[in-house]
């Protein structure tokens, strides 16, 4: 890390075991993601609750290139459980950052809009006319809402265009334009 680990404890009796656990978990996180810039761990003991005893709040601030990850765990009776959960959550968020940096994040296609041009209900297929005048084939199985049988020429639809062996086709066809039927 570029910045040394910061451990802050409020209302918590200083404990070598607790500090060692925090340092070990930070070291594992840094081993998992060496580009980690800094890490700050804050442990607070809330005022003692007469029924449940001691309760802890934990905050974990991890800085990585281009992102700050903040994880909090509130009202835990076992600080070690809170530590484990917080560091597990931070690791999952760092995994997300790694996927983003590698470009592994799945990009969902943007739905396009058009109108049903022709429909052949008995055969289970039809054609959608796009705003630029092209016609795309779609079948009964490509209609997600409403039922295929409720479509008729002129119905506004949104869809995802995909290339098939026969040429461009409409998939995930649903009624409406931006949610307006």
Foldseek 3Di string as FASTA:
>chain_A
DQDDEAEEEAPDDDDPVVVVLLVVLVVVLCVVPVQWNYKYKYKYWDPADPPLGIFIKIWIWTDGVPDIDIFIDGGDPDVSVRSVVRSVVVSVVVVVVVCVVVVVDDDDDDKFKFWFAADDVVVFKGWTAHPVGDIAIDGQQQEDPDHPVPGDGGFMWIFGWDADPVGIHTHNIYTDDVPHD
